[in-house]
Protein backbone atom coordinates (compact mmCIF):
# COMPACT_ATOMS: atom_id res chain seq x y z
CA MET A 1 0.00 0.00 0.00
CA GLU A 2 2.85 2.41 0.78
CA GLU A 3 4.16 2.41 -2.79
CA LYS A 4 0.78 3.08 -4.37
CA ALA A 5 -0.19 5.66 -1.76
CA ALA A 6 3.07 7.58 -2.12
CA TRP A 7 1.33 10.57 -3.65
CA ASP A 8 -0.53 11.03 -0.37
CA LYS A 9 2.78 11.54 1.40
CA GLY A 10 4.14 14.02 -1.12
CA ARG A 11 4.21 17.77 -1.07
CA PHE A 12 0.62 17.95 -2.33
CA GLU A 13 -0.68 16.78 1.05
CA LYS A 14 1.92 18.42 3.25
CA GLY A 15 0.42 19.11 6.65
CA PHE A 16 -2.44 16.63 6.36
CA ALA A 17 -2.97 13.73 8.76
CA ASP A 18 -2.12 10.35 7.27
CA LYS A 19 -5.63 9.20 6.34
CA VAL A 20 -6.26 6.71 3.55
CA THR A 21 -7.18 8.07 0.14
CA TRP A 22 -8.90 5.68 -2.25
CA TYR A 23 -8.12 6.45 -5.88
CA HIS A 24 -10.93 4.34 -7.23
CA ALA A 25 -11.91 2.95 -10.64
CA ASP A 26 -15.51 1.97 -11.32
CA ASP A 27 -16.71 -0.65 -13.83
CA TYR A 28 -13.88 -3.20 -13.74
CA GLY A 29 -14.64 -6.32 -15.77
CA VAL A 30 -16.67 -5.22 -18.79
CA SER A 31 -14.06 -6.83 -21.05
CA LEU A 32 -10.59 -8.24 -20.48
CA GLU A 33 -9.11 -5.45 -22.58
CA GLN A 34 -10.84 -2.91 -20.37
CA CYS A 35 -9.54 -4.71 -17.25
CA GLU A 36 -5.98 -4.30 -18.54
CA ARG A 37 -6.54 -0.59 -19.16
CA ILE A 38 -7.79 -0.10 -15.61
CA LEU A 39 -4.96 -2.14 -14.09
CA SER A 40 -2.43 -0.01 -15.98
CA CYS A 41 -3.59 2.85 -13.75
CA TYR A 42 -2.49 0.75 -10.77
CA GLN A 43 0.78 -0.35 -12.34
CA ASN A 44 1.67 3.13 -13.67
CA GLY A 45 -0.40 5.42 -11.47
CA VAL A 46 -1.92 5.87 -8.02
CA LEU A 47 -5.00 3.66 -8.44
CA ASN A 48 -5.53 1.57 -5.28
CA SER A 49 -9.19 0.54 -5.47
CA VAL A 50 -11.48 -1.06 -8.07
CA SER A 51 -15.18 -1.89 -8.36
CA ILE A 52 -15.88 -5.30 -9.91
CA LEU A 53 -18.96 -5.79 -12.09
CA PRO A 54 -20.16 -9.31 -11.21
CA ASN A 55 -22.35 -10.12 -14.26
CA VAL A 56 -19.75 -9.82 -17.01
CA PRO A 57 -18.99 -12.49 -19.67
CA ASP A 58 -15.55 -13.45 -18.35
CA LEU A 59 -15.49 -12.90 -14.61
CA ASP A 60 -12.89 -15.65 -14.20
CA GLY A 61 -10.60 -13.90 -16.69
CA ALA A 62 -11.12 -10.59 -14.89
CA LEU A 63 -10.13 -12.22 -11.60
CA GLY A 64 -7.07 -13.79 -13.20
CA LEU A 65 -5.83 -10.45 -14.51
CA LEU A 66 -6.46 -8.82 -11.14
CA GLU A 67 -4.57 -11.50 -9.23
CA GLN A 68 -1.68 -11.38 -11.70
CA ALA A 69 -1.31 -7.60 -11.37
CA ASP A 70 -2.04 -7.44 -7.63
CA LYS A 71 -0.41 -10.51 -6.10
CA LYS A 72 -0.11 -8.90 -2.65
CA HIS A 73 -3.71 -7.67 -2.62
CA VAL A 74 -2.80 -4.02 -2.38
CA LEU A 75 -5.92 -2.99 -4.28
CA ARG A 76 -9.15 -2.57 -2.38
CA ARG A 77 -11.73 -4.79 -4.14
CA VAL A 78 -15.32 -3.51 -4.21
CA LEU A 79 -18.54 -5.21 -5.32
CA HIS A 80 -20.10 -3.03 -8.05
CA LEU A 81 -23.75 -4.10 -7.84
CA ASN A 82 -25.27 -3.90 -11.30
CA PHE A 83 -28.96 -3.44 -12.15
CA VAL A 84 -28.16 -1.28 -15.16
CA GLU A 85 -26.93 -3.47 -18.01
CA GLY A 86 -26.21 -7.03 -19.02
CA LYS A 87 -28.11 -10.07 -17.77
CA PRO A 88 -28.95 -10.90 -14.14
CA LEU A 89 -27.05 -13.64 -12.38
CA ALA A 90 -30.17 -14.88 -10.59
CA GLY A 91 -31.78 -15.69 -13.94
CA ALA A 92 -34.32 -13.61 -15.83
CA LYS A 93 -37.29 -15.69 -14.61
CA GLU A 94 -36.33 -15.09 -10.99
CA VAL A 95 -36.09 -11.30 -11.42
CA SER A 96 -38.70 -10.65 -14.12
CA LEU A 97 -39.55 -7.21 -12.75
CA LEU A 98 -35.98 -6.02 -13.36
CA VAL A 99 -35.47 -7.12 -16.98
CA ASP A 100 -36.91 -6.81 -20.48
CA LYS A 101 -38.36 -9.58 -22.68
CA GLU A 102 -34.85 -10.58 -23.77
CA GLY A 103 -33.66 -10.98 -20.20
CA TYR A 104 -31.49 -7.84 -19.99
CA PHE A 105 -31.61 -5.24 -17.24
CA ASP A 106 -33.59 -2.29 -18.59
CA LYS A 107 -35.02 -0.29 -15.66
CA SER A 108 -33.61 3.17 -15.08
CA PHE A 109 -32.54 4.71 -11.78
CA ILE A 110 -35.67 6.87 -11.94
CA GLN A 111 -37.88 3.79 -12.29
CA TYR A 112 -36.37 2.28 -9.14
CA PHE A 113 -36.63 5.64 -7.41
CA ILE A 114 -40.35 5.81 -8.25
CA TRP A 115 -40.91 2.21 -7.16
CA ASN A 116 -39.36 3.03 -3.79
CA TYR A 117 -42.19 5.46 -3.07
CA THR A 118 -45.09 3.86 -4.98
CA ALA A 119 -44.70 0.06 -4.86
CA ALA A 120 -46.94 -1.33 -2.13
CA GLY A 121 -48.48 -4.56 -0.95
CA LYS A 122 -47.74 -7.66 -3.00
CA GLN A 123 -45.86 -5.68 -5.64
CA ARG A 124 -43.42 -4.36 -3.03
CA VAL A 125 -42.95 -7.81 -1.50
CA ASN A 126 -42.18 -9.30 -4.93
CA LEU A 127 -39.85 -6.44 -5.84
CA LYS A 128 -37.84 -6.83 -2.64
CA LYS A 129 -37.72 -10.59 -3.11
CA GLN A 130 -36.28 -10.17 -6.60
CA LEU A 131 -33.82 -7.48 -5.53
CA CYS A 132 -32.53 -9.70 -2.73
CA ALA A 133 -32.24 -12.65 -5.12
CA GLU A 134 -30.10 -10.66 -7.56
CA ILE A 135 -27.95 -9.02 -4.87
CA ARG A 136 -27.40 -12.48 -3.38
CA ALA A 137 -26.40 -13.90 -6.76
CA GLN A 138 -24.00 -11.04 -7.49
CA LEU A 139 -22.37 -11.21 -4.06
CA ARG A 140 -22.12 -14.97 -4.38
CA ALA A 141 -20.33 -14.60 -7.74
CA VAL A 142 -17.46 -12.56 -6.27
CA ALA A 143 -17.30 -13.84 -2.70
CA VAL A 144 -18.37 -17.52 -2.80
CA LYS A 145 -17.96 -19.01 -6.28
CA ARG A 146 -14.82 -16.90 -6.73
CA ASP A 147 -12.92 -15.07 -4.01
CA PHE A 148 -12.20 -11.51 -5.09
CA HIS A 149 -11.55 -10.59 -1.41
CA ILE A 150 -14.35 -8.03 -1.48
CA THR A 151 -14.20 -5.53 1.42
CA ALA A 152 -16.57 -2.79 0.21
CA VAL A 153 -19.75 -2.27 -1.81
CA ASP A 154 -21.01 0.35 -4.25
CA SER A 155 -23.15 0.09 -7.38
CA HIS A 156 -23.30 0.86 -11.07
CA GLN A 157 -24.91 4.31 -11.42
CA HIS A 158 -25.51 4.31 -7.64
CA TYR A 159 -28.72 2.27 -7.56
CA HIS A 160 -27.84 1.06 -4.04
CA MET A 161 -28.63 4.53 -2.70
CA ILE A 162 -32.36 4.05 -3.35
CA PRO A 163 -33.76 2.98 0.05
CA ILE A 164 -35.56 -0.16 -1.17
CA VAL A 165 -32.36 -1.38 -2.84
CA PHE A 166 -30.19 -0.30 0.09
CA ASP A 167 -32.37 -2.17 2.59
CA CYS A 168 -32.22 -5.33 0.48
CA LEU A 169 -28.43 -5.01 0.35
CA MET A 170 -28.23 -4.72 4.13
CA ALA A 171 -30.50 -7.76 4.53
CA VAL A 172 -28.41 -9.93 2.19
CA LEU A 173 -25.12 -8.88 3.79
CA GLY A 174 -26.54 -10.11 7.08
CA GLU A 175 -27.30 -13.61 5.80
CA ALA A 176 -25.37 -16.58 7.18
CA GLU A 177 -24.02 -17.51 3.74
CA PHE A 178 -21.97 -14.32 3.71
CA ALA A 179 -20.79 -14.31 7.32
CA HIS A 180 -17.20 -14.72 6.07
CA VAL A 181 -17.43 -11.50 4.00
CA THR A 182 -16.23 -8.47 5.94
CA ILE A 183 -17.60 -5.27 4.41
CA ARG A 184 -15.64 -2.33 5.80
CA GLN A 185 -16.96 0.48 3.59
CA VAL A 186 -20.09 1.30 1.59
CA ARG A 187 -20.14 4.29 -0.74
CA ILE A 188 -22.41 7.26 -0.13
CA PRO A 189 -21.78 9.12 -3.42
CA VAL A 190 -22.62 12.64 -2.31
CA ASP A 191 -19.79 15.16 -2.50
CA PRO A 192 -19.69 17.57 0.45
CA LEU A 193 -20.40 21.04 -0.93
CA LYS A 194 -18.00 23.06 1.18
CA PRO A 195 -14.77 21.82 -0.44
CA ALA A 196 -16.37 22.01 -3.88
CA PHE A 197 -17.48 25.62 -3.60
CA THR A 198 -14.75 27.25 -1.52
CA VAL A 199 -12.14 26.79 -4.24
CA LYS A 200 -11.97 28.45 -7.63
CA LYS A 201 -12.95 25.70 -10.05
CA PRO A 202 -11.22 25.30 -13.42
CA LYS A 203 -14.50 24.17 -14.99
CA ARG A 204 -18.18 24.69 -14.25
CA ILE A 205 -19.94 21.74 -12.66
CA PRO A 206 -22.14 20.09 -15.33
CA ALA A 207 -25.85 20.72 -14.67
CA VAL A 208 -26.69 17.01 -15.05
CA ASN A 209 -24.27 16.19 -12.22
CA LEU A 210 -25.91 18.73 -9.94
CA VAL A 211 -29.23 16.99 -10.59
CA LYS A 212 -27.62 13.62 -9.76
CA TRP A 213 -26.24 15.10 -6.55
CA LEU A 214 -29.66 16.41 -5.50
CA ILE A 215 -31.37 13.06 -6.12
CA LEU A 216 -28.70 11.05 -4.30
CA LYS A 217 -28.75 13.51 -1.41
CA THR A 218 -32.37 12.60 -0.60
CA ALA A 219 -31.40 9.25 0.94
CA SER A 220 -27.83 9.96 2.00
CA LYS A 221 -28.52 10.88 5.64
CA ARG A 222 -30.78 7.86 6.16
CA ASN A 223 -28.38 5.37 4.59
CA ARG A 224 -25.32 6.84 6.29
CA LYS A 225 -26.97 6.51 9.70
CA ILE A 226 -27.76 2.82 9.11
CA LEU A 227 -24.20 2.10 7.96
CA LEU A 228 -22.60 3.83 10.91
CA GLN A 229 -24.89 1.93 13.30
CA LYS A 230 -23.58 -1.28 11.73
CA GLY A 231 -19.96 -0.16 12.14
CA ILE A 232 -19.44 0.27 8.39
CA GLU A 233 -17.28 3.23 7.34
CA VAL A 234 -18.59 5.81 4.90
CA PRO A 235 -15.61 7.51 3.23
CA ALA A 236 -15.85 11.15 2.29
CA PHE A 237 -16.53 11.30 -1.44
CA PHE A 238 -15.24 13.29 -4.42
CA GLY A 239 -16.70 12.34 -7.79
CA ILE A 240 -20.39 13.03 -8.37
CA LEU A 241 -20.18 16.72 -9.18
CA TYR A 242 -17.51 15.94 -11.79
CA THR A 243 -18.64 12.46 -12.85
CA CYS A 244 -16.70 11.52 -16.00
CA GLU A 245 -14.89 14.86 -15.72
CA MET A 246 -12.21 13.86 -13.19
CA ARG A 247 -9.39 15.27 -15.27
CA TRP A 248 -6.01 16.43 -14.03
CA GLU A 249 -6.88 20.13 -13.83
CA ILE A 250 -10.07 19.38 -11.82
CA VAL A 251 -8.43 17.00 -9.36
CA ARG A 252 -5.36 19.18 -8.86
CA ALA A 253 -7.52 22.20 -8.01
CA LEU A 254 -10.04 20.54 -5.71
CA PHE A 255 -8.23 17.63 -4.07
CA PRO A 256 -6.63 19.60 -1.18
CA SER A 257 -10.03 20.90 -0.04
CA TYR A 258 -11.60 17.45 -0.13
CA LYS A 259 -8.65 15.90 1.68
CA LYS A 260 -8.78 18.56 4.37
CA TYR A 261 -12.52 17.92 4.78
CA ALA A 262 -12.00 14.14 5.11
CA ASN A 263 -9.26 14.54 7.69
CA ALA A 264 -11.39 16.93 9.71
CA LYS A 265 -14.09 14.23 9.74
CA GLU A 266 -11.41 11.63 10.64
CA THR A 267 -12.38 9.40 7.74
CA SER A 268 -10.90 8.18 4.49
CA LEU A 269 -11.52 9.87 1.15
CA GLU A 270 -12.65 8.21 -2.07
CA LEU A 271 -12.06 9.78 -5.48
CA MET A 272 -14.23 8.13 -8.14
CA PHE A 273 -12.75 7.71 -11.61
CA HIS A 274 -13.97 5.91 -14.74
CA PRO A 275 -10.66 5.12 -16.46
CA GLY A 276 -11.69 1.91 -18.24
CA ASN A 277 -12.62 3.10 -21.71
CA LEU A 278 -13.81 0.62 -24.33
CA THR A 279 -12.57 0.82 -27.90
CA ALA A 280 -15.20 -1.11 -29.87
CA ASP A 281 -18.85 -2.18 -29.71
CA TYR A 282 -17.97 -5.85 -29.19
CA GLU A 283 -16.78 -5.02 -25.65
CA LEU A 284 -20.20 -3.69 -24.57
CA LEU A 285 -22.44 -5.70 -22.22
CA ASP A 286 -25.57 -4.58 -24.11
CA ARG A 287 -24.95 -3.29 -27.63
CA ARG A 288 -28.56 -2.13 -27.97
CA ARG A 289 -28.07 0.71 -25.50
CA GLY A 290 -26.74 3.74 -27.32
CA GLU A 291 -26.39 5.84 -24.17
CA LEU A 292 -24.14 3.20 -22.64
CA ARG A 293 -22.05 3.04 -25.78
CA GLU A 294 -21.41 6.77 -25.45
CA PHE A 295 -20.63 6.34 -21.75
CA TYR A 296 -18.02 3.62 -22.27
CA LEU A 297 -16.40 4.88 -25.47
CA SER A 298 -16.05 8.46 -24.24
CA ASP A 299 -12.63 10.09 -24.52
CA ASN A 300 -13.18 11.34 -20.95
CA ARG A 301 -12.28 7.88 -19.69
CA PHE A 302 -8.89 8.18 -21.36
CA PHE A 303 -8.33 11.57 -19.70
CA GLU A 304 -9.32 10.18 -16.30
CA ALA A 305 -6.84 7.33 -16.73
CA GLU A 306 -4.17 9.87 -17.64
CA CYS A 307 -4.99 11.83 -14.48
CA LEU A 308 -4.37 8.77 -12.31
CA LYS A 309 -0.99 8.31 -13.97
CA MET A 310 -0.08 12.00 -13.83
CA LEU A 311 -0.70 12.03 -10.09
CA LYS A 312 2.08 9.50 -9.65
CA ASN A 313 4.39 11.35 -12.05
CA GLN A 314 3.84 14.65 -10.26
CA CYS A 315 4.67 13.04 -6.94
CA ALA A 316 7.89 11.63 -8.38
CA SER A 317 8.92 15.01 -9.81
CA ARG A 318 7.77 16.86 -6.64
CA ALA A 319 6.24 19.52 -8.84
CA TYR A 320 4.11 20.92 -6.02
């Protein structure tokens, strides 16, 4: 951990307490080529945490690449619950409310958000049953059938923040089958506003990210309270306001304020990156989804990967 966290001990953080900073990559596992691109940010940058998508075509291959690159288990491994794309691991018949006629996940965050407040009676019971079944299957894939050494949980596009999904996650984590799985952190993806707005920003916060922040904020206090009661850490977070915009100039300008905030709260800090760009349609989990194609093939992922590598280079050159 010391080698990969060296940037934390450099001039950039001079004067800060020695709290852990997670330089985190979402979406690990979409394709083996994408896994290699993400792992290059560990081998050549400051990356020290990855989220593993459990319902990908070659999960065994993804694990093999991870173990080869990270023999000493320096990387924090995080379950990236996925209700967004691809096929469910519980089987389409078992989670029919969550998929389309072809058996692919197709329900948006907003649909789940609406269900949380409108589903009642038998519909709510069935929805929770299916959510638990899929969470159980995804956790089983990375912690029972294969041992990724998972120690934290988050989710693709933050579906776990919706209370009905969050409560199902807590219920499954408490089941006897997973007693051997020690979850130390769960992500609450809501950037604190003070560090974001007390520093001159090199780029305006995208309006769509402000909307995301507002929606996620609605359940953050509730979910945080439950996690802390269970003894699960909630790291301070930096990444929603600049989702897919975590470039070098953004991180360099805002990081000190976020780090200072985290240390004042005596907690770790997580920076969320999406460095695993795809290069062709064949790597996609669901080629029918044009919006996901744009998300994965975006040049912004390349720039975020470069930021993770530049952070290490800047530490080495002591440019600050």
